[in-house]
């Protein structure tokens, strides 16, 4: 388990509704991976977008760097992958460039 993140956190990361990743009924393996990567609970952008993305709806969201946008996109995409279906199920759709980092979007087909 990685050490806890001790950096100062602003309200755009801490002002959550109090949800837990378990509230989204994700696959056990995905939940375990989320916690192994050091996530403790969803950030505000994740709380707002993950439930919508899990329904298959399109989302346009905006948040500051470091608020969890990449995980907000990847968690629902990974949840929709069928491990028993040995075909390509996610394709890199585009590369987004933000001020401080790059993130890749995936389209689950």
C-alpha atoms as a PDB file:
ATOM      1  CA  UNK A   1       0.000   0.000   0.000  1.00  0.00           C
ATOM      2  CA  UNK A   2       1.469   3.400  -0.949  1.00  0.00           C
ATOM      3  CA  UNK A   3       1.971   5.968   1.825  1.00  0.00           C
ATOM      4  CA  UNK A   4      -0.846   8.437   2.419  1.00  0.00           C
ATOM      5  CA  UNK A   5      -0.741  11.659   0.427  1.00  0.00           C
ATOM      6  CA  UNK A   6       0.275  14.336   2.925  1.00  0.00           C
ATOM      7  CA  UNK A   7       0.190  17.279   0.510  1.00  0.00           C
ATOM      8  CA  UNK A   8      -2.086  20.223   1.345  1.00  0.00           C
ATOM      9  CA  UNK A   9      -5.493  19.666  -0.284  1.00  0.00           C
ATOM     10  CA  UNK A  10      -7.776  22.475  -1.452  1.00  0.00           C
ATOM     11  CA  UNK A  11     -11.588  22.449  -1.442  1.00  0.00           C
ATOM     12  CA  UNK A  12     -11.772  21.329  -5.074  1.00  0.00           C
ATOM     13  CA  UNK A  13     -10.417  18.001  -3.826  1.00  0.00           C
ATOM     14  CA  UNK A  14     -11.833  17.865  -0.286  1.00  0.00           C
ATOM     15  CA  UNK A  15     -15.394  19.208  -0.699  1.00  0.00           C
ATOM     16  CA  UNK A  16     -16.932  15.775  -1.263  1.00  0.00           C
ATOM     17  CA  UNK A  17     -20.409  14.417  -0.610  1.00  0.00           C
ATOM     18  CA  UNK A  18     -18.936  11.628   1.506  1.00  0.00           C
ATOM     19  CA  UNK A  19     -19.265   8.848  -1.077  1.00  0.00           C
ATOM     20  CA  UNK A  20     -17.019   5.790  -1.058  1.00  0.00           C
ATOM     21  CA  UNK A  21     -15.826   3.852  -4.117  1.00  0.00           C
ATOM     22  CA  UNK A  22     -17.907   0.895  -2.886  1.00  0.00           C
ATOM     23  CA  UNK A  23     -21.051   3.025  -3.404  1.00  0.00           C
ATOM     24  CA  UNK A  24     -20.614   2.593  -7.180  1.00  0.00           C
ATOM     25  CA  UNK A  25     -20.815  -1.234  -7.030  1.00  0.00           C
ATOM     26  CA  UNK A  26     -17.561  -1.660  -8.958  1.00  0.00           C
ATOM     27  CA  UNK A  27     -15.898  -5.018  -9.592  1.00  0.00           C
ATOM     28  CA  UNK A  28     -13.941  -6.290  -6.603  1.00  0.00           C
ATOM     29  CA  UNK A  29     -10.680  -6.371  -8.579  1.00  0.00           C
ATOM     30  CA  UNK A  30     -11.139  -2.747  -9.617  1.00  0.00           C
ATOM     31  CA  UNK A  31     -11.902  -1.624  -6.050  1.00  0.00           C
ATOM     32  CA  UNK A  32      -8.773  -3.421  -4.844  1.00  0.00           C
ATOM     33  CA  UNK A  33      -6.672  -1.732  -7.530  1.00  0.00           C
ATOM     34  CA  UNK A  34      -8.096   1.685  -6.657  1.00  0.00           C
ATOM     35  CA  UNK A  35      -7.055   1.268  -3.024  1.00  0.00           C
ATOM     36  CA  UNK A  36      -3.684  -0.242  -3.949  1.00  0.00           C
ATOM     37  CA  UNK A  37      -2.940   2.902  -5.980  1.00  0.00           C
ATOM     38  CA  UNK A  38      -3.554   5.020  -2.888  1.00  0.00           C
ATOM     39  CA  UNK A  39      -7.026   6.398  -3.536  1.00  0.00           C
ATOM     40  CA  UNK A  40      -8.985   6.643  -0.294  1.00  0.00           C
ATOM     41  CA  UNK A  41     -12.318   8.081  -1.426  1.00  0.00           C
ATOM     42  CA  UNK A  42     -13.655   9.753  -4.565  1.00  0.00           C
ATOM     43  CA  UNK A  43     -12.842  13.404  -5.220  1.00  0.00           C
ATOM     44  CA  UNK A  44     -15.667  15.818  -6.105  1.00  0.00           C
ATOM     45  CA  UNK A  45     -15.104  15.405  -9.879  1.00  0.00           C
ATOM     46  CA  UNK A  46     -15.167  11.629  -9.428  1.00  0.00           C
ATOM     47  CA  UNK A  47     -18.321  11.737  -7.292  1.00  0.00           C
ATOM     48  CA  UNK A  48     -20.108  13.742  -9.972  1.00  0.00           C
ATOM     49  CA  UNK A  49     -18.896  11.914 -13.071  1.00  0.00           C
ATOM     50  CA  UNK A  50     -18.415   8.216 -12.197  1.00  0.00           C
ATOM     51  CA  UNK A  51     -22.129   7.429 -11.644  1.00  0.00           C
ATOM     52  CA  UNK A  52     -23.070   9.155 -14.908  1.00  0.00           C
ATOM     53  CA  UNK A  53     -20.294   7.459 -16.885  1.00  0.00           C
ATOM     54  CA  UNK A  54     -21.304   4.052 -15.506  1.00  0.00           C
ATOM     55  CA  UNK A  55     -24.703   4.512 -17.192  1.00  0.00           C
ATOM     56  CA  UNK A  56     -22.924   4.912 -20.540  1.00  0.00           C
ATOM     57  CA  UNK A  57     -23.750   8.592 -20.871  1.00  0.00           C
ATOM     58  CA  UNK A  58     -21.321  11.088 -22.381  1.00  0.00           C
ATOM     59  CA  UNK A  59     -19.767  13.628 -20.034  1.00  0.00           C
ATOM     60  CA  UNK A  60     -18.047  16.942 -20.412  1.00  0.00           C
ATOM     61  CA  UNK A  61     -16.339  17.914 -17.169  1.00  0.00           C
ATOM     62  CA  UNK A  62     -13.812  20.496 -16.127  1.00  0.00           C
ATOM     63  CA  UNK A  63     -11.636  20.539 -13.022  1.00  0.00           C
ATOM     64  CA  UNK A  64      -8.210  21.719 -11.958  1.00  0.00           C
ATOM     65  CA  UNK A  65      -5.049  19.643 -12.355  1.00  0.00           C
ATOM     66  CA  UNK A  66      -4.622  17.038  -9.652  1.00  0.00           C
ATOM     67  CA  UNK A  67      -8.322  16.686  -8.829  1.00  0.00           C
ATOM     68  CA  UNK A  68      -8.770  13.157 -10.206  1.00  0.00           C
ATOM     69  CA  UNK A  69     -10.070  13.711 -13.746  1.00  0.00           C
ATOM     70  CA  UNK A  70      -8.080  10.826 -15.228  1.00  0.00           C
ATOM     71  CA  UNK A  71      -9.383   8.374 -12.620  1.00  0.00           C
ATOM     72  CA  UNK A  72     -12.896   9.788 -13.078  1.00  0.00           C
ATOM     73  CA  UNK A  73     -12.652   8.705 -16.701  1.00  0.00           C
ATOM     74  CA  UNK A  74     -10.654   5.476 -16.321  1.00  0.00           C
ATOM     75  CA  UNK A  75     -12.594   3.887 -13.448  1.00  0.00           C
ATOM     76  CA  UNK A  76     -15.899   3.609 -15.382  1.00  0.00           C
ATOM     77  CA  UNK A  77     -14.019   2.555 -18.538  1.00  0.00           C
ATOM     78  CA  UNK A  78     -12.240  -0.238 -16.676  1.00  0.00           C
ATOM     79  CA  UNK A  79     -15.492  -1.292 -14.998  1.00  0.00           C
ATOM     80  CA  UNK A  80     -17.103  -1.868 -18.403  1.00  0.00           C
ATOM     81  CA  UNK A  81     -14.335  -4.155 -19.684  1.00  0.00           C
ATOM     82  CA  UNK A  82     -15.345  -7.825 -19.838  1.00  0.00           C
ATOM     83  CA  UNK A  83     -12.248  -9.837 -18.895  1.00  0.00           C
ATOM     84  CA  UNK A  84     -13.744 -13.002 -20.408  1.00  0.00           C
ATOM     85  CA  UNK A  85     -14.119 -11.375 -23.829  1.00  0.00           C
ATOM     86  CA  UNK A  86     -10.636 -11.534 -25.370  1.00  0.00           C
ATOM     87  CA  UNK A  87     -11.053  -8.645 -27.816  1.00  0.00           C
ATOM     88  CA  UNK A  88     -10.032  -4.999 -27.778  1.00  0.00           C
ATOM     89  CA  UNK A  89     -12.614  -3.193 -25.680  1.00  0.00           C
ATOM     90  CA  UNK A  90     -10.948   0.168 -25.089  1.00  0.00           C
ATOM     91  CA  UNK A  91      -9.275   2.327 -27.689  1.00  0.00           C
ATOM     92  CA  UNK A  92      -7.206   5.476 -27.184  1.00  0.00           C
ATOM     93  CA  UNK A  93      -9.542   8.131 -28.529  1.00  0.00           C
ATOM     94  CA  UNK A  94      -7.512  11.276 -28.107  1.00  0.00           C
ATOM     95  CA  UNK A  95      -4.723  12.810 -26.105  1.00  0.00           C
ATOM     96  CA  UNK A  96      -5.578  15.783 -23.955  1.00  0.00           C
ATOM     97  CA  UNK A  97      -2.890  18.197 -22.954  1.00  0.00           C
ATOM     98  CA  UNK A  98      -3.384  20.045 -19.696  1.00  0.00           C
ATOM     99  CA  UNK A  99      -1.118  22.627 -18.171  1.00  0.00           C
ATOM    100  CA  UNK A 100       0.896  20.239 -16.021  1.00  0.00           C
ATOM    101  CA  UNK A 101       0.270  16.756 -17.359  1.00  0.00           C
ATOM    102  CA  UNK A 102      -1.020  14.582 -20.181  1.00  0.00           C
ATOM    103  CA  UNK A 103      -3.879  12.150 -19.866  1.00  0.00           C
ATOM    104  CA  UNK A 104      -5.286   9.714 -22.396  1.00  0.00           C
ATOM    105  CA  UNK A 105      -8.964   9.179 -23.013  1.00  0.00           C
ATOM    106  CA  UNK A 106     -10.246   5.718 -23.778  1.00  0.00           C
ATOM    107  CA  UNK A 107     -13.476   4.792 -25.475  1.00  0.00           C
ATOM    108  CA  UNK A 108     -15.020   1.540 -24.304  1.00  0.00           C
ATOM    109  CA  UNK A 109     -16.700  -0.159 -27.244  1.00  0.00           C
END
